[in-house]
Protein backbone atom coordinates (compact mmCIF):
# COMPACT_ATOMS: atom_id res chain seq x y z
CA MET A 1 -26.70 -52.93 3.95
CA ASN A 2 -27.92 -51.73 0.65
CA ARG A 3 -26.57 -48.60 -1.55
CA ILE A 4 -29.63 -46.37 -0.16
CA THR A 5 -28.87 -46.79 3.48
CA ASN A 6 -25.10 -46.46 3.00
CA THR A 7 -25.75 -43.20 0.88
CA LYS A 8 -28.02 -41.99 3.51
CA GLY A 9 -25.43 -42.45 6.23
CA ILE A 10 -22.61 -40.78 4.40
CA ILE A 11 -24.65 -37.89 3.46
CA GLY A 12 -26.00 -37.61 6.83
CA LEU A 13 -22.37 -37.91 8.13
CA LEU A 14 -21.09 -35.03 5.64
CA LEU A 15 -23.93 -32.91 6.85
CA ILE A 16 -23.17 -33.09 10.45
CA LEU A 17 -19.37 -32.47 9.69
CA SER A 18 -20.11 -29.35 7.48
CA LEU A 19 -22.68 -28.02 10.18
CA GLY A 20 -20.01 -28.68 12.91
CA LEU A 21 -17.44 -26.46 10.92
CA VAL A 22 -20.07 -23.64 10.24
CA PHE A 23 -20.95 -23.59 13.82
CA GLN A 24 -17.15 -23.38 15.19
CA CYS A 25 -16.62 -19.89 12.85
CA LYS A 26 -19.23 -18.40 14.84
CA ASP A 27 -18.85 -16.42 17.87
CA GLY A 28 -21.25 -16.86 21.21
CA LEU A 29 -22.65 -20.15 20.38
CA ASN A 30 -22.68 -23.01 23.03
CA GLU A 31 -20.20 -25.34 22.25
CA ASP A 32 -21.13 -27.96 24.37
CA GLN A 33 -25.16 -27.69 22.95
CA LEU A 34 -23.23 -27.91 19.29
CA THR A 35 -21.32 -30.82 20.22
CA GLU A 36 -24.39 -32.36 21.85
CA ASP A 37 -25.97 -32.22 18.78
CA LEU A 38 -23.68 -33.93 16.83
CA TYR A 39 -23.34 -36.54 19.34
CA GLN A 40 -27.23 -37.52 19.10
CA ASN A 41 -27.20 -37.28 15.23
CA SER A 42 -23.87 -39.73 15.16
CA LEU A 43 -25.80 -42.23 17.14
CA THR A 44 -28.63 -42.32 14.80
CA ILE A 45 -26.10 -42.75 12.07
CA ALA A 46 -23.93 -45.31 14.33
CA GLN A 47 -27.25 -47.56 15.07
CA GLU A 48 -28.08 -47.20 11.18
CA SER A 49 -24.68 -48.46 10.20
CA ASN A 50 -24.58 -51.10 13.00
CA ARG A 51 -21.44 -49.74 14.28
CA LYS A 52 -20.27 -48.45 17.70
CA LEU A 53 -19.57 -44.70 18.44
CA LEU A 54 -16.07 -43.69 19.32
CA ILE A 55 -15.63 -40.55 21.03
CA VAL A 56 -12.25 -38.88 20.84
CA PHE A 57 -11.65 -36.08 23.43
CA GLY A 58 -8.43 -33.95 22.18
CA ALA A 59 -7.27 -30.87 20.94
CA ASP A 60 -5.40 -29.33 17.90
CA TRP A 61 -2.20 -28.21 19.95
CA CYS A 62 -1.98 -31.75 21.31
CA PRO A 63 1.10 -33.49 19.53
CA ASP A 64 -0.42 -37.00 21.20
CA CYS A 65 -3.77 -36.43 19.89
CA GLN A 66 -2.43 -35.35 15.98
CA SER A 67 -0.56 -38.41 16.37
CA LEU A 68 -3.44 -40.52 17.17
CA LYS A 69 -5.49 -38.79 14.55
CA ASP A 70 -2.96 -39.49 11.86
CA ARG A 71 -2.76 -43.10 12.49
CA PHE A 72 -6.46 -43.32 12.37
CA PHE A 73 -6.16 -42.28 8.77
CA ASN A 74 -2.82 -43.51 7.63
CA ASN A 75 -2.40 -46.95 9.18
CA PRO A 76 -4.30 -49.47 6.91
CA GLU A 77 -4.73 -51.91 9.96
CA ILE A 78 -6.47 -48.90 12.28
CA ALA A 79 -8.37 -47.77 9.45
CA GLY A 80 -9.59 -50.61 8.73
CA ILE A 81 -10.96 -51.42 12.23
CA LEU A 82 -12.11 -48.08 12.48
CA HIS A 83 -14.19 -48.15 9.23
CA GLU A 84 -15.50 -51.85 10.25
CA LYS A 85 -16.54 -51.11 13.69
CA TYR A 86 -16.99 -47.68 14.74
CA LEU A 87 -18.40 -44.23 13.58
CA THR A 88 -15.90 -41.53 15.05
CA ILE A 89 -16.25 -38.02 16.31
CA HIS A 90 -13.73 -36.07 17.53
CA VAL A 91 -14.60 -33.48 20.65
CA ASP A 92 -12.25 -30.42 20.95
CA VAL A 93 -11.68 -29.79 24.48
CA GLY A 94 -9.18 -26.61 24.03
CA ARG A 95 -7.21 -25.88 26.76
CA PHE A 96 -9.21 -28.22 28.98
CA ASP A 97 -11.91 -25.23 28.65
CA LYS A 98 -14.42 -26.49 26.29
CA ASN A 99 -17.05 -29.38 25.60
CA LEU A 100 -16.87 -29.66 29.67
CA LEU A 101 -20.51 -30.19 30.37
CA PHE A 102 -20.69 -32.51 27.44
CA SER A 103 -17.77 -34.74 28.59
CA GLU A 104 -19.21 -34.96 32.33
CA GLN A 105 -21.96 -37.45 30.73
CA PHE A 106 -18.89 -39.79 30.30
CA ASP A 107 -17.15 -39.18 33.64
CA SER A 108 -14.96 -36.41 32.00
CA PRO A 109 -12.40 -38.67 30.81
CA GLN A 110 -10.01 -36.10 29.61
CA LYS A 111 -9.29 -35.15 33.18
CA LYS A 112 -6.17 -37.35 33.10
CA GLY A 113 -4.88 -36.52 29.61
CA ILE A 114 -5.88 -36.26 26.07
CA PRO A 115 -6.63 -38.00 23.69
CA ALA A 116 -9.06 -39.71 25.57
CA LEU A 117 -11.62 -42.26 24.00
CA VAL A 118 -15.12 -43.27 24.77
CA ILE A 119 -16.76 -46.23 23.23
CA LEU A 120 -20.49 -46.56 22.93
CA ASP A 121 -22.98 -49.04 22.02
CA PRO A 122 -25.51 -46.55 20.03
CA ASN A 123 -28.51 -48.98 21.14
CA GLU A 124 -27.61 -48.21 24.92
CA PRO A 125 -25.77 -45.03 24.60
CA LYS A 126 -25.65 -44.59 28.36
CA LYS A 127 -23.78 -47.81 28.61
CA ILE A 128 -19.97 -47.19 28.34
CA LEU A 129 -18.56 -49.93 26.65
CA ALA A 130 -14.92 -48.81 27.34
CA THR A 131 -13.56 -45.45 28.10
CA THR A 132 -9.73 -44.21 28.92
CA LYS A 133 -10.01 -42.58 32.28
CA GLY A 134 -6.42 -42.95 33.40
CA GLY A 135 -4.64 -41.26 30.24
CA GLU A 136 -3.76 -44.50 28.35
CA PHE A 137 -3.47 -42.58 25.15
CA SER A 138 -1.83 -39.57 26.36
CA SER A 139 1.45 -41.08 25.37
CA ALA A 140 0.12 -41.66 21.74
CA ARG A 141 3.38 -40.51 20.10
CA THR A 142 5.34 -43.44 21.53
CA MET A 143 2.42 -46.02 21.26
CA SER A 144 2.91 -48.99 18.92
CA ASP A 145 0.41 -49.15 16.28
CA GLU A 146 -0.46 -52.47 17.48
CA ALA A 147 -1.73 -51.23 21.06
CA ILE A 148 -4.13 -48.84 19.34
CA ALA A 149 -5.18 -51.59 17.13
CA LYS A 150 -5.77 -53.91 19.89
CA PHE A 151 -7.70 -51.49 21.95
CA LEU A 152 -9.71 -50.89 19.39
CA SER A 153 -10.24 -54.43 18.31
CA GLU A 154 -11.31 -55.55 21.71
CA TYR A 155 -14.83 -53.46 21.84
């Protein structure tokens, strides 16, 4: 990947993230639509960077979600896998009352617990490569780093 393409991808991602923060602050906006827009833009960036899209459904109040997110950033092995293979977006499910329409297109993986993960090939976004439909990460605080890395490495 050349420097210009990489720079465009990084700028695009930063723009997406900053728009998401701006829109979260406004009342009355359709959160499902904002998340769908983030998703569509992320698919494009993932496709251009030749990485899979990892969608993490979670919430700020969830200790397992926070544990998983911390390991995404602070565990060198997990962070390396994510950087190499995935573009990751985090979708807030609130108290299981946010982004419900958005999550339906992935069979609502958060119904069995959060964090819930969905892995997509951006070239075939309707084809789910992997999902945690059974609450597999809902005990992320007690999961080993190796188990998280193994799941992410398999796809």
